[in-house]
C-alpha atoms as a PDB file:
ATOM      1  CA  MET A   1     -10.850 -12.295  69.649  1.00  0.00           C
ATOM      2  CA  GLY A   2      -9.124 -12.216  66.227  1.00  0.00           C
ATOM      3  CA  LEU A   3     -10.421 -13.194  62.675  1.00  0.00           C
ATOM      4  CA  LYS A   4      -8.987 -16.888  61.551  1.00  0.00           C
ATOM      5  CA  ILE A   5      -8.652 -17.497  57.800  1.00  0.00           C
ATOM      6  CA  ARG A   6      -9.828 -21.149  57.255  1.00  0.00           C
ATOM      7  CA  SER A   7      -9.491 -21.250  53.710  1.00  0.00           C
ATOM      8  CA  GLU A   8      -5.995 -19.800  52.313  1.00  0.00           C
ATOM      9  CA  LYS A   9      -7.242 -21.021  49.134  1.00  0.00           C
ATOM     10  CA  ASP A  10     -10.430 -18.610  49.326  1.00  0.00           C
ATOM     11  CA  PHE A  11      -8.630 -15.981  51.057  1.00  0.00           C
ATOM     12  CA  GLY A  12      -6.059 -15.770  48.763  1.00  0.00           C
ATOM     13  CA  SER A  13      -8.863 -15.947  45.573  1.00  0.00           C
ATOM     14  CA  GLY A  14     -10.715 -13.294  47.079  1.00  0.00           C
ATOM     15  CA  LEU A  15      -7.681 -10.841  47.828  1.00  0.00           C
ATOM     16  CA  LEU A  16      -6.719 -11.175  43.685  1.00  0.00           C
ATOM     17  CA  TYR A  17     -10.588 -10.651  42.702  1.00  0.00           C
ATOM     18  CA  LEU A  18     -10.243  -7.286  45.049  1.00  0.00           C
ATOM     19  CA  LEU A  19      -6.930  -6.344  43.404  1.00  0.00           C
ATOM     20  CA  LEU A  20      -8.328  -7.060  39.970  1.00  0.00           C
ATOM     21  CA  GLY A  21     -11.076  -5.458  40.370  1.00  0.00           C
ATOM     22  CA  GLY A  22      -9.717  -2.036  42.249  1.00  0.00           C
ATOM     23  CA  ALA A  23      -7.295  -2.060  39.481  1.00  0.00           C
ATOM     24  CA  GLY A  24     -10.131  -1.998  36.619  1.00  0.00           C
ATOM     25  CA  LEU A  25     -12.503   0.790  38.246  1.00  0.00           C
ATOM     26  CA  ALA A  26      -9.014   2.668  38.906  1.00  0.00           C
ATOM     27  CA  ILE A  27      -8.527   2.437  34.942  1.00  0.00           C
ATOM     28  CA  ALA A  28     -11.959   2.651  33.982  1.00  0.00           C
ATOM     29  CA  TRP A  29     -12.576   5.982  36.322  1.00  0.00           C
ATOM     30  CA  GLY A  30     -11.885   8.658  33.655  1.00  0.00           C
ATOM     31  CA  TYR A  31     -13.884   7.178  31.239  1.00  0.00           C
ATOM     32  CA  GLY A  32     -17.410   8.005  30.336  1.00  0.00           C
ATOM     33  CA  PHE A  33     -20.067   5.775  32.011  1.00  0.00           C
ATOM     34  CA  GLY A  34     -23.285   6.527  30.262  1.00  0.00           C
ATOM     35  CA  THR A  35     -26.108   4.546  30.950  1.00  0.00           C
ATOM     36  CA  ALA A  36     -27.512   1.039  30.539  1.00  0.00           C
ATOM     37  CA  GLY A  37     -29.215   2.154  27.548  1.00  0.00           C
ATOM     38  CA  ARG A  38     -26.216   4.460  25.684  1.00  0.00           C
ATOM     39  CA  MET A  39     -23.309   2.892  27.401  1.00  0.00           C
ATOM     40  CA  GLY A  40     -20.309   4.865  27.644  1.00  0.00           C
ATOM     41  CA  PRO A  41     -16.579   3.414  27.315  1.00  0.00           C
ATOM     42  CA  GLY A  42     -16.413   3.125  31.318  1.00  0.00           C
ATOM     43  CA  TYR A  43     -19.768   1.507  31.486  1.00  0.00           C
ATOM     44  CA  PHE A  44     -18.534  -1.922  30.768  1.00  0.00           C
ATOM     45  CA  PRO A  45     -14.984  -2.104  32.747  1.00  0.00           C
ATOM     46  CA  THR A  46     -16.745  -0.226  35.609  1.00  0.00           C
ATOM     47  CA  VAL A  47     -19.403  -2.838  36.134  1.00  0.00           C
ATOM     48  CA  ILE A  48     -17.342  -5.727  35.509  1.00  0.00           C
ATOM     49  CA  SER A  49     -14.987  -4.422  37.952  1.00  0.00           C
ATOM     50  CA  ALA A  50     -17.633  -3.902  40.403  1.00  0.00           C
ATOM     51  CA  LEU A  51     -18.687  -7.403  40.269  1.00  0.00           C
ATOM     52  CA  LEU A  52     -14.714  -8.883  40.829  1.00  0.00           C
ATOM     53  CA  LEU A  53     -15.260  -6.475  44.081  1.00  0.00           C
ATOM     54  CA  LEU A  54     -18.442  -7.835  44.989  1.00  0.00           C
ATOM     55  CA  PHE A  55     -17.059 -11.914  44.530  1.00  0.00           C
ATOM     56  CA  GLY A  56     -13.539 -10.708  46.224  1.00  0.00           C
ATOM     57  CA  VAL A  57     -15.380  -9.509  49.068  1.00  0.00           C
ATOM     58  CA  ALA A  58     -17.736 -12.452  49.157  1.00  0.00           C
ATOM     59  CA  THR A  59     -15.053 -14.724  48.619  1.00  0.00           C
ATOM     60  CA  MET A  60     -13.126 -13.434  51.404  1.00  0.00           C
ATOM     61  CA  VAL A  61     -15.845 -13.497  54.219  1.00  0.00           C
ATOM     62  CA  ARG A  62     -16.263 -17.440  52.766  1.00  0.00           C
ATOM     63  CA  SER A  63     -12.384 -18.127  53.693  1.00  0.00           C
ATOM     64  CA  ILE A  64     -13.233 -16.869  57.131  1.00  0.00           C
ATOM     65  CA  LEU A  65     -16.874 -19.086  57.560  1.00  0.00           C
ATOM     66  CA  VAL A  66     -15.588 -21.886  55.581  1.00  0.00           C
ATOM     67  CA  GLU A  67     -13.467 -24.498  55.990  1.00  0.00           C
ATOM     68  CA  GLY A  68     -11.392 -25.102  52.963  1.00  0.00           C
ATOM     69  CA  PRO A  69      -7.913 -26.314  51.835  1.00  0.00           C
ATOM     70  CA  ALA A  70      -4.548 -24.294  51.666  1.00  0.00           C
ATOM     71  CA  ILE A  71      -3.109 -23.057  48.924  1.00  0.00           C
ATOM     72  CA  ASP A  72      -0.860 -25.567  47.442  1.00  0.00           C
ATOM     73  CA  ALA A  73       2.858 -24.819  45.480  1.00  0.00           C
ATOM     74  CA  VAL A  74       2.549 -22.783  41.956  1.00  0.00           C
ATOM     75  CA  ASN A  75       1.973 -24.747  38.948  1.00  0.00           C
ATOM     76  CA  TRP A  76       4.544 -22.837  37.116  1.00  0.00           C
ATOM     77  CA  LYS A  77       4.795 -25.030  33.834  1.00  0.00           C
ATOM     78  CA  GLY A  78       0.591 -23.648  33.396  1.00  0.00           C
ATOM     79  CA  LEU A  79       1.408 -20.221  34.481  1.00  0.00           C
ATOM     80  CA  ALA A  80       4.233 -20.173  31.726  1.00  0.00           C
ATOM     81  CA  PHE A  81       2.504 -21.911  29.045  1.00  0.00           C
ATOM     82  CA  VAL A  82      -0.977 -20.035  29.382  1.00  0.00           C
ATOM     83  CA  THR A  83       0.788 -16.532  29.313  1.00  0.00           C
ATOM     84  CA  LEU A  84       2.927 -17.638  26.310  1.00  0.00           C
ATOM     85  CA  SER A  85       0.109 -18.372  24.821  1.00  0.00           C
ATOM     86  CA  VAL A  86      -1.645 -15.121  25.395  1.00  0.00           C
ATOM     87  CA  CYS A  87       1.217 -13.008  24.466  1.00  0.00           C
ATOM     88  CA  LEU A  88       1.277 -15.425  21.040  1.00  0.00           C
ATOM     89  CA  PHE A  89      -1.910 -14.562  20.315  1.00  0.00           C
ATOM     90  CA  GLY A  90      -1.670 -10.877  20.589  1.00  0.00           C
ATOM     91  CA  ALA A  91       1.571 -11.268  18.476  1.00  0.00           C
ATOM     92  CA  LEU A  92       0.334 -13.133  15.405  1.00  0.00           C
ATOM     93  CA  LEU A  93      -3.059 -11.768  14.980  1.00  0.00           C
ATOM     94  CA  LEU A  94      -2.282  -8.969  12.781  1.00  0.00           C
ATOM     95  CA  GLY A  95      -0.059 -10.654  10.785  1.00  0.00           C
ATOM     96  CA  ALA A  96      -1.145 -13.898  10.944  1.00  0.00           C
ATOM     97  CA  GLY A  97      -4.962 -13.575  11.180  1.00  0.00           C
ATOM     98  CA  LEU A  98      -7.534 -14.926  13.999  1.00  0.00           C
ATOM     99  CA  PRO A  99      -7.802 -18.823  12.868  1.00  0.00           C
ATOM    100  CA  ALA A 100      -3.862 -19.022  13.029  1.00  0.00           C
ATOM    101  CA  ALA A 101      -3.223 -17.062  16.010  1.00  0.00           C
ATOM    102  CA  LEU A 102      -5.752 -18.613  17.413  1.00  0.00           C
ATOM    103  CA  THR A 103      -4.783 -22.453  16.776  1.00  0.00           C
ATOM    104  CA  VAL A 104      -1.472 -21.389  18.374  1.00  0.00           C
ATOM    105  CA  LEU A 105      -3.321 -19.774  21.555  1.00  0.00           C
ATOM    106  CA  ILE A 106      -5.330 -23.280  21.523  1.00  0.00           C
ATOM    107  CA  LEU A 107      -2.157 -25.516  21.098  1.00  0.00           C
ATOM    108  CA  VAL A 108       0.556 -23.784  23.792  1.00  0.00           C
ATOM    109  CA  SER A 109      -2.151 -23.251  25.863  1.00  0.00           C
ATOM    110  CA  ALA A 110      -2.808 -26.830  25.888  1.00  0.00           C
ATOM    111  CA  MET A 111       0.688 -27.674  26.613  1.00  0.00           C
ATOM    112  CA  ALA A 112      -0.142 -26.142  29.975  1.00  0.00           C
ATOM    113  CA  SER A 113      -1.721 -29.556  30.816  1.00  0.00           C
ATOM    114  CA  GLU A 114       0.008 -33.250  31.666  1.00  0.00           C
ATOM    115  CA  LYS A 115      -3.128 -34.531  30.368  1.00  0.00           C
ATOM    116  CA  PHE A 116      -3.261 -33.280  27.168  1.00  0.00           C
ATOM    117  CA  ALA A 117      -3.285 -35.477  24.055  1.00  0.00           C
ATOM    118  CA  LEU A 118      -2.972 -34.239  20.351  1.00  0.00           C
ATOM    119  CA  GLY A 119      -5.454 -36.805  18.775  1.00  0.00           C
ATOM    120  CA  PRO A 120      -7.992 -36.872  16.369  1.00  0.00           C
ATOM    121  CA  LYS A 121     -10.652 -35.661  18.688  1.00  0.00           C
ATOM    122  CA  ALA A 122      -8.771 -32.575  20.091  1.00  0.00           C
ATOM    123  CA  ILE A 123      -7.859 -31.553  16.082  1.00  0.00           C
ATOM    124  CA  ALA A 124     -11.345 -31.534  15.664  1.00  0.00           C
ATOM    125  CA  ALA A 125     -12.449 -29.515  18.581  1.00  0.00           C
ATOM    126  CA  MET A 126      -9.553 -27.000  18.087  1.00  0.00           C
ATOM    127  CA  ILE A 127     -10.688 -26.891  14.210  1.00  0.00           C
ATOM    128  CA  GLY A 128     -14.624 -26.411  15.680  1.00  0.00           C
ATOM    129  CA  LEU A 129     -13.671 -23.795  18.323  1.00  0.00           C
ATOM    130  CA  VAL A 130     -11.700 -21.608  15.677  1.00  0.00           C
ATOM    131  CA  LEU A 131     -14.338 -21.989  12.849  1.00  0.00           C
ATOM    132  CA  PHE A 132     -16.920 -20.655  15.519  1.00  0.00           C
ATOM    133  CA  CYS A 133     -14.960 -18.271  16.967  1.00  0.00           C
ATOM    134  CA  SER A 134     -14.221 -16.401  13.343  1.00  0.00           C
ATOM    135  CA  LEU A 135     -17.446 -17.021  12.561  1.00  0.00           C
ATOM    136  CA  VAL A 136     -18.872 -15.355  15.640  1.00  0.00           C
ATOM    137  CA  PHE A 137     -16.542 -12.684  16.324  1.00  0.00           C
ATOM    138  CA  VAL A 138     -15.353 -11.606  12.701  1.00  0.00           C
ATOM    139  CA  LYS A 139     -18.689 -12.080  10.729  1.00  0.00           C
ATOM    140  CA  GLY A 140     -21.364 -12.358  13.322  1.00  0.00           C
ATOM    141  CA  LEU A 141     -20.123  -9.493  15.340  1.00  0.00           C
ATOM    142  CA  GLY A 142     -17.694  -7.535  13.540  1.00  0.00           C
ATOM    143  CA  VAL A 143     -14.704  -7.483  15.657  1.00  0.00           C
ATOM    144  CA  PRO A 144     -12.258  -6.085  13.288  1.00  0.00           C
ATOM    145  CA  MET A 145      -9.782  -8.731  13.264  1.00  0.00           C
ATOM    146  CA  PRO A 146      -8.353 -10.213  10.093  1.00  0.00           C
ATOM    147  CA  LEU A 147      -8.885 -13.735   9.182  1.00  0.00           C
ATOM    148  CA  LEU A 148      -6.111 -13.690   6.870  1.00  0.00           C
ATOM    149  CA  GLY A 149      -3.090 -11.300   8.197  1.00  0.00           C
ATOM    150  CA  SER A 150      -0.921  -9.207   6.565  1.00  0.00           C
ATOM    151  CA  TRP A 151       1.917 -12.059   6.115  1.00  0.00           C
ATOM    152  CA  PHE A 152      -0.344 -13.822   3.970  1.00  0.00           C
ATOM    153  CA  SER A 153      -1.582 -10.641   1.516  1.00  0.00           C
ATOM    154  CA  GLY A 154       0.725 -11.071  -1.035  1.00  0.00           C
ATOM    155  CA  ILE A 155       0.954 -14.889  -1.093  1.00  0.00           C
ATOM    156  CA  ILE A 156      -3.325 -15.336  -1.154  1.00  0.00           C
ATOM    157  CA  ALA A 157      -4.533 -12.621  -3.439  1.00  0.00           C
ATOM    158  CA  PRO A 158      -1.519 -10.134  -5.304  1.00  0.00           C
END
């Protein structure tokens, strides 16, 4: 008697979680773990990877127990735009700065959706998100990301 996969989507998601969790554990293996009170560089990636493995097992078990939908066709347009937006963010961050890189990330990733329209509400939400992220990450948490990148250093201040 073999096990029957009743939900292809859950099985595929669980497999992806297991692969990503395993890769994360393999990468973090050589880093010092530390303790909860004094975390080492491997603490956070190891915990997140372990959680991914746990969710992967739970999702794969669910794929056997609960009836679910089959895997649909891959949304290549969405996948391409979201991947492109993340790559552009990384390429623009140091040169253009966080607000400009975030704006490009939001606009390019939004093009992945058929329902997105660039109207006043979307622009206001984007500006609010960019301001919020800039304040929280750069000013609040002190993450070393430039608000104005090197491309603007000669224009803004001599």
